N, C-alpha and C. Protein backbone atom coordinates (compact mmCIF):
# COMPACT_ATOMS: atom_id res chain seq x y z
N MET A 1 -19.68 -43.89 -1.59
CA MET A 1 -18.57 -43.78 -2.67
C MET A 1 -19.28 -43.07 -3.96
N LYS A 2 -20.37 -43.01 -4.27
CA LYS A 2 -20.64 -42.00 -5.14
C LYS A 2 -20.66 -40.84 -5.02
N PHE A 3 -20.92 -40.90 -3.99
CA PHE A 3 -20.93 -39.20 -3.47
C PHE A 3 -19.26 -38.63 -3.29
N LYS A 4 -18.69 -39.63 -2.39
CA LYS A 4 -17.27 -39.35 -2.44
C LYS A 4 -16.51 -39.10 -4.04
N ILE A 5 -17.10 -39.65 -5.16
CA ILE A 5 -16.28 -39.36 -6.61
C ILE A 5 -16.95 -38.28 -7.00
N LEU A 6 -18.19 -38.04 -6.66
CA LEU A 6 -18.79 -36.65 -7.14
C LEU A 6 -18.49 -35.40 -6.57
N VAL A 7 -18.42 -35.65 -4.88
CA VAL A 7 -17.84 -34.18 -4.32
C VAL A 7 -16.24 -34.08 -4.95
N ALA A 8 -15.37 -35.11 -5.50
CA ALA A 8 -13.99 -35.01 -6.05
C ALA A 8 -13.92 -34.17 -7.38
N VAL A 9 -15.22 -34.88 -8.06
CA VAL A 9 -15.28 -34.51 -9.79
C VAL A 9 -15.51 -32.57 -9.56
N PHE A 10 -16.10 -32.68 -8.90
CA PHE A 10 -16.92 -30.96 -8.29
C PHE A 10 -15.78 -30.15 -8.17
N SER A 11 -15.35 -30.30 -6.97
CA SER A 11 -13.83 -29.90 -6.36
C SER A 11 -12.96 -29.63 -7.63
N PHE A 12 -12.80 -30.57 -8.17
CA PHE A 12 -11.77 -30.45 -9.15
C PHE A 12 -12.17 -29.56 -10.54
N GLY A 13 -13.72 -29.80 -10.74
CA GLY A 13 -14.34 -28.39 -11.87
C GLY A 13 -13.79 -27.11 -11.40
N ILE A 14 -14.20 -27.14 -10.12
CA ILE A 14 -14.33 -25.14 -9.47
C ILE A 14 -12.94 -25.24 -9.51
N PHE A 15 -11.53 -26.15 -9.19
CA PHE A 15 -10.46 -25.72 -9.09
C PHE A 15 -9.66 -25.31 -10.61
N VAL A 16 -10.03 -25.79 -11.46
CA VAL A 16 -9.99 -25.93 -12.88
C VAL A 16 -10.22 -24.47 -13.41
N LEU A 17 -11.61 -24.27 -13.00
CA LEU A 17 -12.35 -22.93 -13.70
C LEU A 17 -12.02 -21.82 -12.88
N THR A 18 -11.43 -21.76 -11.40
CA THR A 18 -11.04 -20.36 -11.00
C THR A 18 -9.12 -20.55 -10.98
N SER A 19 -9.05 -21.24 -11.27
CA SER A 19 -7.47 -21.59 -11.31
C SER A 19 -6.92 -20.62 -12.61
N CYS A 20 -7.39 -20.19 -13.38
CA CYS A 20 -7.10 -19.77 -14.81
C CYS A 20 -7.26 -18.33 -14.61
N THR A 21 -7.82 -17.74 -13.62
CA THR A 21 -8.45 -16.46 -14.19
C THR A 21 -7.37 -15.61 -13.86
N ASP A 22 -7.20 -14.53 -14.98
CA ASP A 22 -6.25 -13.32 -14.99
C ASP A 22 -7.03 -12.44 -14.00
N THR A 23 -5.88 -11.93 -13.00
CA THR A 23 -5.75 -10.59 -12.43
C THR A 23 -5.44 -9.71 -12.95
N VAL A 24 -5.98 -8.07 -12.72
CA VAL A 24 -5.92 -6.96 -13.25
C VAL A 24 -4.53 -6.72 -12.54
N LYS A 25 -3.58 -5.81 -13.04
CA LYS A 25 -2.74 -5.42 -12.22
C LYS A 25 -2.85 -3.79 -13.04
N GLU A 26 -2.74 -2.95 -11.97
CA GLU A 26 -2.73 -1.44 -12.58
C GLU A 26 -1.56 -0.82 -11.95
N THR A 27 -0.73 -0.32 -12.57
CA THR A 27 0.50 0.42 -12.04
C THR A 27 0.38 2.29 -12.53
N THR A 28 0.42 2.76 -11.59
CA THR A 28 0.63 4.11 -11.56
C THR A 28 2.01 4.46 -11.79
N VAL A 29 1.82 6.06 -13.23
CA VAL A 29 2.88 6.40 -13.41
C VAL A 29 2.77 8.17 -13.07
N VAL A 30 3.97 8.30 -12.14
CA VAL A 30 3.86 9.62 -11.81
C VAL A 30 4.96 10.66 -12.68
N LYS A 31 4.65 11.86 -13.08
CA LYS A 31 5.34 12.28 -14.37
C LYS A 31 5.53 14.03 -13.73
N GLU A 32 6.74 14.06 -13.82
CA GLU A 32 6.92 15.81 -13.08
C GLU A 32 7.40 16.70 -14.25
N THR A 33 6.94 17.99 -13.52
CA THR A 33 6.75 18.88 -14.66
C THR A 33 8.30 19.59 -14.31
N LYS A 34 8.69 20.16 -15.80
CA LYS A 34 9.77 20.58 -15.19
C LYS A 34 10.09 21.83 -13.98
N THR A 35 10.78 21.61 -13.04
CA THR A 35 10.57 22.97 -12.29
C THR A 35 12.01 23.89 -11.56
N GLU A 36 12.32 24.55 -11.20
CA GLU A 36 13.42 25.26 -10.80
C GLU A 36 14.22 24.22 -9.77
N ASN A 37 13.23 23.80 -8.78
CA ASN A 37 13.84 22.98 -8.06
C ASN A 37 14.70 21.91 -8.59
N LYS A 38 15.60 21.59 -7.74
CA LYS A 38 16.53 20.36 -8.03
C LYS A 38 16.23 19.08 -7.84
N GLU A 39 15.38 19.76 -6.52
CA GLU A 39 15.21 18.67 -6.12
C GLU A 39 13.79 17.02 -6.61
N GLY A 40 14.37 16.38 -6.15
CA GLY A 40 13.34 15.31 -6.70
C GLY A 40 12.36 14.78 -5.76
N ILE A 41 11.03 13.93 -6.78
CA ILE A 41 10.23 13.89 -5.73
C ILE A 41 9.99 12.97 -4.55
N LEU A 42 11.57 11.91 -4.64
CA LEU A 42 11.53 11.62 -2.84
C LEU A 42 11.95 12.66 -1.99
N GLU A 43 12.65 13.70 -2.71
CA GLU A 43 13.20 14.61 -1.51
C GLU A 43 11.89 15.52 -1.04
N ARG A 44 11.39 15.88 -2.05
CA ARG A 44 9.99 16.66 -1.71
C ARG A 44 9.27 15.99 -0.46
N SER A 45 9.18 14.77 -0.95
CA SER A 45 8.18 13.93 -0.03
C SER A 45 9.06 14.25 1.31
N ALA A 46 9.71 13.35 1.37
CA ALA A 46 10.73 13.46 3.17
C ALA A 46 10.58 14.71 3.57
N LYS A 47 11.06 15.66 2.88
CA LYS A 47 10.18 17.49 3.61
C LYS A 47 9.24 17.22 4.27
N LYS A 48 8.06 17.02 3.27
CA LYS A 48 6.51 16.98 3.86
C LYS A 48 6.67 16.25 4.94
N VAL A 49 7.13 14.75 4.98
CA VAL A 49 6.78 14.03 6.05
C VAL A 49 7.32 14.47 7.49
N ASP A 50 8.99 14.76 7.08
CA ASP A 50 9.60 15.46 8.16
C ASP A 50 9.18 16.55 8.73
N ALA A 51 8.20 17.18 8.16
CA ALA A 51 7.44 18.21 8.40
C ALA A 51 6.12 17.91 9.73
N GLU A 52 5.30 17.13 9.31
CA GLU A 52 4.19 16.41 10.17
C GLU A 52 5.00 15.65 11.14
N VAL A 53 6.33 15.14 11.17
CA VAL A 53 6.58 14.27 12.22
C VAL A 53 6.71 15.24 13.21
N ASN A 54 7.89 16.42 12.86
CA ASN A 54 8.26 17.73 13.78
C ASN A 54 6.93 18.05 14.39
N LYS A 55 5.80 17.71 13.85
CA LYS A 55 4.70 18.71 14.20
C LYS A 55 4.28 17.94 15.63
N GLU A 56 3.96 16.57 14.97
CA GLU A 56 3.51 15.44 16.33
C GLU A 56 4.61 15.35 17.38
N ILE A 57 5.95 15.53 17.41
CA ILE A 57 6.32 15.53 18.23
C ILE A 57 6.45 16.59 19.28
N ASP A 58 6.44 17.68 18.50
CA ASP A 58 6.56 19.14 19.59
C ASP A 58 5.08 19.09 20.09
N ASN A 59 3.84 18.20 19.38
CA ASN A 59 2.34 18.42 20.08
C ASN A 59 3.11 17.02 21.32
N LYS A 60 3.19 16.32 21.49
CA LYS A 60 3.67 15.19 22.51
C LYS A 60 4.51 15.94 23.77
N ILE A 61 5.63 16.72 23.17
CA ILE A 61 6.75 17.54 23.68
C ILE A 61 5.75 18.40 24.85
N GLU A 62 4.42 19.12 24.05
CA GLU A 62 3.64 20.05 24.92
C GLU A 62 2.89 19.27 25.78
N GLU A 63 2.35 18.37 25.47
CA GLU A 63 1.54 17.36 26.22
C GLU A 63 2.33 16.81 27.76
N ILE A 64 3.14 16.88 27.20
CA ILE A 64 4.33 15.70 28.37
C ILE A 64 4.48 17.00 29.38
N GLY A 65 4.99 18.10 28.94
CA GLY A 65 5.08 19.13 29.86
C GLY A 65 6.59 18.91 30.18
N ASP A 66 7.16 19.91 31.03
CA ASP A 66 8.74 20.01 31.57
C ASP A 66 8.48 20.02 32.83
N ASP A 67 9.76 18.78 33.46
CA ASP A 67 9.53 18.11 34.38
C ASP A 67 10.33 18.90 35.78
N ASN A 68 11.08 19.92 35.15
CA ASN A 68 11.36 20.66 35.80
C ASN A 68 11.09 21.30 37.19
């Protein structure tokens, strides 16, 4: 019985000590410089991703080959 009480007190103590710890949250701010381009960062990123995807698609098509 004493062992169960000791375990309960120990568990409660660990819970109290660990539940109040603060977590650090980091935020990243991206600032753009003024350019002649009127495109935003999303449009430029999308163009880069599209180019990479198109290259991968072209490579897969070349691997498969022409069935004609």
